[in-house]
Amino acid sequence: MAYSRLITPRNVSLFSLVALSGGYFMVKGRTLAEKQRAVGDYSVTVDRSGGGI
């Protein structure tokens, strides 16, 4: 079997470590981007609001 050299406990553990850390950083980056987007204050002062037609 040609894949028997590739499927070793060391390679499987390295692959799972890379996959889990990649998923962790992807989720962490997404939540950080959402937090930074939510930090902005979107309120408008009364004198600058449209108010009319």
PDB file of N, CA and C in Angstrom:
ATOM      1  N   MET A   1       0.848  -1.181   0.000  1.00  0.00           N
ATOM      2  CA  MET A   1       0.000   0.000   0.000  1.00  0.00           C
ATOM      3  C   MET A   1       0.892   1.243   0.000  1.00  0.00           C
ATOM      4  N   ALA A   2       0.669   2.151  -0.906  1.00  0.00           N
ATOM      5  CA  ALA A   2       1.539   3.305  -1.081  1.00  0.00           C
ATOM      6  C   ALA A   2       1.364   4.339   0.027  1.00  0.00           C
ATOM      7  N   TYR A   3       0.186   4.387   0.634  1.00  0.00           N
ATOM      8  CA  TYR A   3      -0.073   5.412   1.645  1.00  0.00           C
ATOM      9  C   TYR A   3       0.377   5.003   3.043  1.00  0.00           C
ATOM     10  N   SER A   4       0.886   3.811   3.205  1.00  0.00           N
ATOM     11  CA  SER A   4       1.264   3.357   4.537  1.00  0.00           C
ATOM     12  C   SER A   4       2.420   4.172   5.114  1.00  0.00           C
ATOM     13  N   ARG A   5       3.272   4.733   4.272  1.00  0.00           N
ATOM     14  CA  ARG A   5       4.356   5.569   4.769  1.00  0.00           C
ATOM     15  C   ARG A   5       3.845   6.942   5.198  1.00  0.00           C
ATOM     16  N   LEU A   6       2.769   7.399   4.584  1.00  0.00           N
ATOM     17  CA  LEU A   6       2.236   8.720   4.916  1.00  0.00           C
ATOM     18  C   LEU A   6       1.387   8.709   6.182  1.00  0.00           C
ATOM     19  N   ILE A   7       0.707   7.592   6.415  1.00  0.00           N
ATOM     20  CA  ILE A   7      -0.199   7.516   7.569  1.00  0.00           C
ATOM     21  C   ILE A   7       0.568   6.907   8.740  1.00  0.00           C
ATOM     22  N   THR A   8       1.364   7.735   9.368  1.00  0.00           N
ATOM     23  CA  THR A   8       2.081   7.335  10.577  1.00  0.00           C
ATOM     24  C   THR A   8       1.513   8.140  11.732  1.00  0.00           C
ATOM     25  N   PRO A   9       1.673   7.675  12.942  1.00  0.00           N
ATOM     26  CA  PRO A   9       1.136   8.433  14.087  1.00  0.00           C
ATOM     27  C   PRO A   9       1.691   9.857  14.171  1.00  0.00           C
ATOM     28  N   ARG A  10       2.931  10.042  13.784  1.00  0.00           N
ATOM     29  CA  ARG A  10       3.517  11.382  13.824  1.00  0.00           C
ATOM     30  C   ARG A  10       2.853  12.292  12.803  1.00  0.00           C
ATOM     31  N   ASN A  11       2.645  11.806  11.579  1.00  0.00           N
ATOM     32  CA  ASN A  11       2.023  12.631  10.544  1.00  0.00           C
ATOM     33  C   ASN A  11       0.565  12.922  10.863  1.00  0.00           C
ATOM     34  N   VAL A  12      -0.137  11.955  11.401  1.00  0.00           N
ATOM     35  CA  VAL A  12      -1.540  12.169  11.762  1.00  0.00           C
ATOM     36  C   VAL A  12      -1.652  13.204  12.873  1.00  0.00           C
ATOM     37  N   SER A  13      -0.760  13.133  13.868  1.00  0.00           N
ATOM     38  CA  SER A  13      -0.818  14.107  14.956  1.00  0.00           C
ATOM     39  C   SER A  13      -0.437  15.503  14.461  1.00  0.00           C
ATOM     40  N   LEU A  14       0.534  15.601  13.565  1.00  0.00           N
ATOM     41  CA  LEU A  14       0.891  16.904  13.010  1.00  0.00           C
ATOM     42  C   LEU A  14      -0.242  17.486  12.181  1.00  0.00           C
ATOM     43  N   PHE A  15      -0.884  16.658  11.379  1.00  0.00           N
ATOM     44  CA  PHE A  15      -1.997  17.130  10.563  1.00  0.00           C
ATOM     45  C   PHE A  15      -3.159  17.593  11.430  1.00  0.00           C
ATOM     46  N   SER A  16      -3.483  16.841  12.472  1.00  0.00           N
ATOM     47  CA  SER A  16      -4.590  17.242  13.332  1.00  0.00           C
ATOM     48  C   SER A  16      -4.246  18.504  14.112  1.00  0.00           C
ATOM     49  N   LEU A  17      -2.988  18.672  14.502  1.00  0.00           N
ATOM     50  CA  LEU A  17      -2.578  19.885  15.186  1.00  0.00           C
ATOM     51  C   LEU A  17      -2.704  21.094  14.265  1.00  0.00           C
ATOM     52  N   VAL A  18      -2.286  20.959  13.025  1.00  0.00           N
ATOM     53  CA  VAL A  18      -2.397  22.055  12.058  1.00  0.00           C
ATOM     54  C   VAL A  18      -3.863  22.378  11.771  1.00  0.00           C
ATOM     55  N   ALA A  19      -4.689  21.345  11.629  1.00  0.00           N
ATOM     56  CA  ALA A  19      -6.104  21.565  11.328  1.00  0.00           C
ATOM     57  C   ALA A  19      -6.809  22.254  12.498  1.00  0.00           C
ATOM     58  N   LEU A  20      -6.548  21.808  13.714  1.00  0.00           N
ATOM     59  CA  LEU A  20      -7.206  22.412  14.879  1.00  0.00           C
ATOM     60  C   LEU A  20      -6.728  23.832  15.120  1.00  0.00           C
ATOM     61  N   SER A  21      -5.436  24.080  14.964  1.00  0.00           N
ATOM     62  CA  SER A  21      -4.948  25.445  15.183  1.00  0.00           C
ATOM     63  C   SER A  21      -5.438  26.384  14.080  1.00  0.00           C
ATOM     64  N   GLY A  22      -5.544  25.887  12.854  1.00  0.00           N
ATOM     65  CA  GLY A  22      -6.089  26.714  11.776  1.00  0.00           C
ATOM     66  C   GLY A  22      -7.536  27.087  12.031  1.00  0.00           C
ATOM     67  N   GLY A  23      -8.321  26.142  12.496  1.00  0.00           N
ATOM     68  CA  GLY A  23      -9.717  26.428  12.834  1.00  0.00           C
ATOM     69  C   GLY A  23      -9.834  27.388  13.993  1.00  0.00           C
ATOM     70  N   TYR A  24      -8.953  27.237  14.968  1.00  0.00           N
ATOM     71  CA  TYR A  24      -8.967  28.145  16.126  1.00  0.00           C
ATOM     72  C   TYR A  24      -8.663  29.573  15.697  1.00  0.00           C
ATOM     73  N   PHE A  25      -7.619  29.753  14.895  1.00  0.00           N
ATOM     74  CA  PHE A  25      -7.252  31.108  14.480  1.00  0.00           C
ATOM     75  C   PHE A  25      -8.291  31.709  13.535  1.00  0.00           C
ATOM     76  N   MET A  26      -8.956  30.878  12.759  1.00  0.00           N
ATOM     77  CA  MET A  26      -9.997  31.400  11.881  1.00  0.00           C
ATOM     78  C   MET A  26     -11.172  31.921  12.710  1.00  0.00           C
ATOM     79  N   VAL A  27     -11.587  31.160  13.708  1.00  0.00           N
ATOM     80  CA  VAL A  27     -12.696  31.593  14.567  1.00  0.00           C
ATOM     81  C   VAL A  27     -12.288  32.800  15.398  1.00  0.00           C
ATOM     82  N   LYS A  28     -11.056  32.799  15.906  1.00  0.00           N
ATOM     83  CA  LYS A  28     -10.584  33.915  16.715  1.00  0.00           C
ATOM     84  C   LYS A  28     -10.513  35.200  15.882  1.00  0.00           C
ATOM     85  N   GLY A  29     -10.036  35.102  14.664  1.00  0.00           N
ATOM     86  CA  GLY A  29      -9.968  36.273  13.801  1.00  0.00           C
ATOM     87  C   GLY A  29     -11.340  36.800  13.444  1.00  0.00           C
ATOM     88  N   ARG A  30     -12.285  35.904  13.236  1.00  0.00           N
ATOM     89  CA  ARG A  30     -13.645  36.341  12.899  1.00  0.00           C
ATOM     90  C   ARG A  30     -14.295  37.048  14.073  1.00  0.00           C
ATOM     91  N   THR A  31     -14.146  36.511  15.280  1.00  0.00           N
ATOM     92  CA  THR A  31     -14.757  37.152  16.442  1.00  0.00           C
ATOM     93  C   THR A  31     -14.066  38.471  16.757  1.00  0.00           C
ATOM     94  N   LEU A  32     -12.758  38.548  16.533  1.00  0.00           N
ATOM     95  CA  LEU A  32     -12.049  39.810  16.760  1.00  0.00           C
ATOM     96  C   LEU A  32     -12.512  40.870  15.773  1.00  0.00           C
ATOM     97  N   ALA A  33     -12.733  40.475  14.521  1.00  0.00           N
ATOM     98  CA  ALA A  33     -13.217  41.434  13.526  1.00  0.00           C
ATOM     99  C   ALA A  33     -14.621  41.916  13.878  1.00  0.00           C
ATOM    100  N   GLU A  34     -15.466  41.026  14.380  1.00  0.00           N
ATOM    101  CA  GLU A  34     -16.815  41.432  14.787  1.00  0.00           C
ATOM    102  C   GLU A  34     -16.768  42.376  15.983  1.00  0.00           C
ATOM    103  N   LYS A  35     -15.863  42.120  16.922  1.00  0.00           N
ATOM    104  CA  LYS A  35     -15.743  43.005  18.079  1.00  0.00           C
ATOM    105  C   LYS A  35     -15.243  44.381  17.664  1.00  0.00           C
ATOM    106  N   GLN A  36     -14.279  44.436  16.774  1.00  0.00           N
ATOM    107  CA  GLN A  36     -13.761  45.727  16.334  1.00  0.00           C
ATOM    108  C   GLN A  36     -14.804  46.493  15.536  1.00  0.00           C
ATOM    109  N   ARG A  37     -15.628  45.788  14.783  1.00  0.00           N
ATOM    110  CA  ARG A  37     -16.690  46.446  14.031  1.00  0.00           C
ATOM    111  C   ARG A  37     -17.746  47.001  14.974  1.00  0.00           C
ATOM    112  N   ALA A  38     -17.998  46.313  16.087  1.00  0.00           N
ATOM    113  CA  ALA A  38     -19.031  46.742  17.031  1.00  0.00           C
ATOM    114  C   ALA A  38     -18.561  47.887  17.912  1.00  0.00           C
ATOM    115  N   VAL A  39     -17.261  48.161  17.940  1.00  0.00           N
ATOM    116  CA  VAL A  39     -16.740  49.221  18.799  1.00  0.00           C
ATOM    117  C   VAL A  39     -17.165  50.593  18.310  1.00  0.00           C
ATOM    118  N   GLY A  40     -17.290  50.783  17.013  1.00  0.00           N
ATOM    119  CA  GLY A  40     -17.641  52.092  16.455  1.00  0.00           C
ATOM    120  C   GLY A  40     -18.974  52.596  16.967  1.00  0.00           C
ATOM    121  N   ASP A  41     -19.046  53.888  17.212  1.00  0.00           N
ATOM    122  CA  ASP A  41     -20.270  54.493  17.707  1.00  0.00           C
ATOM    123  C   ASP A  41     -21.022  55.092  16.525  1.00  0.00           C
ATOM    124  N   TYR A  42     -22.199  54.585  16.276  1.00  0.00           N
ATOM    125  CA  TYR A  42     -22.968  55.013  15.113  1.00  0.00           C
ATOM    126  C   TYR A  42     -24.034  56.056  15.470  1.00  0.00           C
ATOM    127  N   SER A  43     -23.951  56.617  16.663  1.00  0.00           N
ATOM    128  CA  SER A  43     -24.958  57.606  17.045  1.00  0.00           C
ATOM    129  C   SER A  43     -24.693  58.923  16.313  1.00  0.00           C
ATOM    130  N   VAL A  44     -25.754  59.647  16.058  1.00  0.00           N
ATOM    131  CA  VAL A  44     -25.664  60.922  15.345  1.00  0.00           C
ATOM    132  C   VAL A  44     -26.197  61.997  16.281  1.00  0.00           C
ATOM    133  N   THR A  45     -25.487  63.108  16.350  1.00  0.00           N
ATOM    134  CA  THR A  45     -25.954  64.210  17.208  1.00  0.00           C
ATOM    135  C   THR A  45     -27.200  64.838  16.589  1.00  0.00           C
ATOM    136  N   VAL A  46     -27.960  65.532  17.415  1.00  0.00           N
ATOM    137  CA  VAL A  46     -29.234  66.084  16.976  1.00  0.00           C
ATOM    138  C   VAL A  46     -29.033  67.134  15.888  1.00  0.00           C
ATOM    139  N   ASP A  47     -28.022  67.964  16.016  1.00  0.00           N
ATOM    140  CA  ASP A  47     -27.823  69.023  15.027  1.00  0.00           C
ATOM    141  C   ASP A  47     -27.366  68.468  13.675  1.00  0.00           C
ATOM    142  N   ARG A  48     -26.881  67.236  13.628  1.00  0.00           N
ATOM    143  CA  ARG A  48     -26.425  66.664  12.365  1.00  0.00           C
ATOM    144  C   ARG A  48     -27.419  65.668  11.783  1.00  0.00           C
ATOM    145  N   SER A  49     -28.494  65.395  12.489  1.00  0.00           N
ATOM    146  CA  SER A  49     -29.462  64.445  11.961  1.00  0.00           C
ATOM    147  C   SER A  49     -30.259  65.099  10.831  1.00  0.00           C
ATOM    148  N   GLY A  50     -30.774  64.279   9.912  1.00  0.00           N
ATOM    149  CA  GLY A  50     -31.493  64.803   8.751  1.00  0.00           C
ATOM    150  C   GLY A  50     -32.714  65.606   9.142  1.00  0.00           C
ATOM    151  N   GLY A  51     -33.618  65.007   9.854  1.00  0.00           N
ATOM    152  CA  GLY A  51     -34.749  65.709  10.408  1.00  0.00           C
ATOM    153  C   GLY A  51     -35.830  66.116   9.437  1.00  0.00           C
ATOM    154  N   GLY A  52     -35.539  66.401   8.219  1.00  0.00           N
ATOM    155  CA  GLY A  52     -36.552  66.888   7.288  1.00  0.00           C
ATOM    156  C   GLY A  52     -36.778  65.937   6.134  1.00  0.00           C
ATOM    157  N   ILE A  53     -37.549  66.393   5.219  1.00  0.00           N
ATOM    158  CA  ILE A  53     -37.860  65.567   4.059  1.00  0.00           C
ATOM    159  C   ILE A  53     -36.777  65.719   3.016  1.00  0.00           C
TER     160      ILE A  53
END
